[in-house]
Amino acid sequence: MSDTLYGGRRFRTLNVLDEGVREGLAIEVDTSLPAERVIRVLEQVVAWRGRPQAIRLDNGPELIAERFMTWCAERGIALWYIQPGKPDQNAFIERFNRTYRTEVLNAYVFESLEQVREITEEWLQSYNEERPHDALAGLPPATYRANLEARSSPLAVSP
């Protein structure tokens, strides 16, 4: 996504979403988000949440860069590119992006990248931990994920 600060400086966001639980994993904000930056963000996400089997993404230059594709291949991460002009093939992130655009990017006049980052961080925490989602039985994504993890954890049994 992209937007503009009050003074006219453009910035971009890289939004990472766990489709399974609708949880926003990262929103990186800066004036440029090249492949190396995308890799750095994904390395942080992988360290926190584990390696995904696949990533669904559009055809942005940073996402089709050889360095990015090599990084994914080395880790056994499949890349599922959507067809150009077919955002409906990436519906979960498009819905997330629309909500982020409406509630953050369009709701504020930002004076600095730091201000965008701070408001985004607060919004993402609220989105993940407080906001109920109809598709998740009315639970926030973090709660839904915790419930799934609790159900799939092996039982501890002692004599």
Protein backbone atom coordinates (compact mmCIF):
# COMPACT_ATOMS: atom_id res chain seq x y z
CA MET A 1 0.00 0.00 0.00
CA SER A 2 1.11 3.60 -0.33
CA ASP A 3 0.14 6.99 1.03
CA THR A 4 1.55 10.47 1.52
CA LEU A 5 2.68 12.42 4.55
CA TYR A 6 1.33 15.94 5.10
CA GLY A 7 4.44 17.47 3.52
CA GLY A 8 4.03 15.43 0.33
CA ARG A 9 6.57 12.68 1.01
CA ARG A 10 5.28 9.31 -0.16
CA PHE A 11 5.55 6.17 1.94
CA ARG A 12 4.67 2.52 1.51
CA THR A 13 3.45 -0.24 3.79
CA LEU A 14 4.12 -3.96 3.65
CA ASN A 15 1.20 -5.76 5.27
CA VAL A 16 1.61 -9.39 6.37
CA LEU A 17 -1.48 -11.38 7.37
CA ASP A 18 -2.01 -14.93 8.62
CA GLU A 19 -4.97 -15.94 6.45
CA GLY A 20 -5.90 -18.86 8.68
CA VAL A 21 -6.67 -16.77 11.74
CA ARG A 22 -6.95 -13.30 10.09
CA GLU A 23 -4.18 -12.00 12.33
CA GLY A 24 -2.04 -9.09 11.18
CA LEU A 25 1.54 -10.25 11.67
CA ALA A 26 3.37 -7.13 10.54
CA ILE A 27 2.91 -3.76 8.93
CA GLU A 28 6.25 -2.30 7.85
CA VAL A 29 6.22 1.43 7.03
CA ASP A 30 8.93 3.29 5.11
CA THR A 31 9.62 5.32 2.00
CA SER A 32 11.04 2.27 0.23
CA LEU A 33 10.47 -1.44 0.79
CA PRO A 34 12.92 -3.34 -1.44
CA ALA A 35 13.26 -7.13 -1.46
CA GLU A 36 15.92 -7.09 1.29
CA ARG A 37 13.54 -5.20 3.58
CA VAL A 38 10.71 -7.63 2.80
CA ILE A 39 13.04 -10.51 3.66
CA ARG A 40 14.03 -8.89 6.94
CA VAL A 41 10.38 -8.46 7.94
CA LEU A 42 9.57 -12.05 7.00
CA GLU A 43 12.58 -13.33 8.94
CA GLN A 44 11.18 -11.60 12.03
CA VAL A 45 7.75 -13.11 11.42
CA VAL A 46 9.25 -16.59 10.90
CA ALA A 47 11.29 -16.28 14.11
CA TRP A 48 8.11 -15.35 15.98
CA ARG A 49 5.47 -17.57 14.35
CA GLY A 50 7.39 -20.23 12.44
CA ARG A 51 7.94 -20.86 8.76
CA PRO A 52 4.85 -20.71 6.57
CA GLN A 53 4.26 -23.38 3.96
CA ALA A 54 3.31 -20.73 1.41
CA ILE A 55 2.93 -17.00 0.92
CA ARG A 56 0.16 -15.52 -1.23
CA LEU A 57 1.30 -12.27 -2.81
CA ASP A 58 0.90 -9.85 -5.67
CA ASN A 59 3.46 -9.12 -8.39
CA GLY A 60 5.18 -6.06 -6.90
CA PRO A 61 8.82 -5.65 -7.93
CA GLU A 62 10.11 -6.45 -4.45
CA LEU A 63 8.06 -9.66 -4.44
CA ILE A 64 9.28 -10.94 -7.80
CA ALA A 65 12.92 -10.01 -7.15
CA GLU A 66 15.37 -12.89 -7.57
CA ARG A 67 16.75 -12.37 -4.05
CA PHE A 68 13.28 -12.72 -2.50
CA MET A 69 12.35 -15.78 -4.55
CA THR A 70 15.70 -17.42 -3.67
CA TRP A 71 15.18 -16.70 0.04
CA CYS A 72 11.77 -18.40 -0.07
CA ALA A 73 13.04 -21.37 -2.11
CA GLU A 74 15.92 -21.95 0.33
CA ARG A 75 13.37 -22.21 3.15
CA GLY A 76 10.85 -24.35 1.28
CA ILE A 77 8.24 -21.59 1.20
CA ALA A 78 5.95 -21.80 -1.84
CA LEU A 79 5.01 -18.55 -3.54
CA TRP A 80 1.43 -18.22 -4.69
CA TYR A 81 1.29 -15.17 -6.94
CA ILE A 82 -2.10 -13.77 -7.80
CA GLN A 83 -2.85 -12.92 -11.42
CA PRO A 84 -2.22 -9.26 -12.27
CA GLY A 85 -5.43 -7.27 -11.93
CA LYS A 86 -7.12 -9.99 -9.86
CA PRO A 87 -7.05 -8.72 -6.24
CA ASP A 88 -9.99 -11.01 -5.43
CA GLN A 89 -7.48 -13.89 -5.54
CA ASN A 90 -5.96 -12.35 -2.42
CA ALA A 91 -9.24 -11.50 -0.71
CA PHE A 92 -8.17 -11.76 2.94
CA ILE A 93 -5.32 -9.26 2.64
CA GLU A 94 -7.43 -6.99 0.42
CA ARG A 95 -10.09 -6.88 3.15
CA PHE A 96 -7.41 -6.25 5.77
CA ASN A 97 -5.87 -3.52 3.59
CA ARG A 98 -9.26 -1.83 3.11
CA THR A 99 -9.83 -1.77 6.86
CA TYR A 100 -6.32 -0.42 7.50
CA ARG A 101 -6.78 2.21 4.78
CA THR A 102 -10.14 3.36 6.18
CA GLU A 103 -9.25 3.30 9.87
CA VAL A 104 -5.66 4.51 9.74
CA LEU A 105 -4.34 5.90 6.47
CA ASN A 106 -7.49 7.85 5.56
CA ALA A 107 -8.32 8.80 9.15
CA TYR A 108 -5.16 10.77 9.94
CA VAL A 109 -2.96 13.46 8.45
CA PHE A 110 0.52 12.16 9.20
CA GLU A 111 3.46 14.46 9.71
CA SER A 112 6.19 11.81 9.99
CA LEU A 113 6.90 8.15 9.34
CA GLU A 114 7.30 7.67 13.09
CA GLN A 115 3.74 8.91 13.59
CA VAL A 116 2.47 6.45 10.95
CA ARG A 117 4.37 3.63 12.68
CA GLU A 118 3.06 4.49 16.16
CA ILE A 119 -0.59 4.76 15.09
CA THR A 120 -0.24 1.62 12.96
CA GLU A 121 1.22 -0.34 15.87
CA GLU A 122 -1.64 0.69 18.16
CA TRP A 123 -4.22 -0.13 15.49
CA LEU A 124 -2.65 -3.54 14.74
CA GLN A 125 -2.66 -4.49 18.41
CA SER A 126 -6.31 -3.52 18.69
CA TYR A 127 -7.16 -5.34 15.44
CA ASN A 128 -5.51 -8.54 16.67
CA GLU A 129 -6.40 -8.53 20.35
CA GLU A 130 -9.66 -6.64 20.79
CA ARG A 131 -11.71 -6.59 17.61
CA PRO A 132 -14.13 -9.48 17.20
CA HIS A 133 -14.30 -11.07 13.75
CA ASP A 134 -17.49 -12.70 12.51
CA ALA A 135 -15.48 -15.30 10.57
CA LEU A 136 -13.72 -16.31 13.81
CA ALA A 137 -16.84 -17.01 15.87
CA GLY A 138 -16.83 -13.44 17.16
CA LEU A 139 -13.34 -13.70 18.62
CA PRO A 140 -10.34 -11.45 17.99
CA PRO A 141 -7.63 -13.13 15.88
CA ALA A 142 -5.12 -13.54 18.74
CA THR A 143 -7.72 -15.22 20.94
CA TYR A 144 -8.89 -17.47 18.11
CA ARG A 145 -5.28 -18.52 17.40
CA ALA A 146 -4.62 -19.20 21.08
CA ASN A 147 -7.73 -21.39 21.23
CA LEU A 148 -6.59 -23.35 18.17
CA GLU A 149 -3.13 -23.85 19.63
CA ALA A 150 -4.58 -25.01 22.94
CA ARG A 151 -6.78 -27.57 21.19
CA SER A 152 -3.93 -28.94 19.10
CA SER A 153 -1.38 -29.14 21.92
CA PRO A 154 -0.63 -32.63 23.19
CA LEU A 155 -1.95 -33.43 26.62
CA ALA A 156 0.50 -33.71 29.49
CA VAL A 157 -0.17 -36.80 31.56
CA SER A 158 1.64 -37.78 34.71
CA PRO A 159 1.24 -40.94 36.79
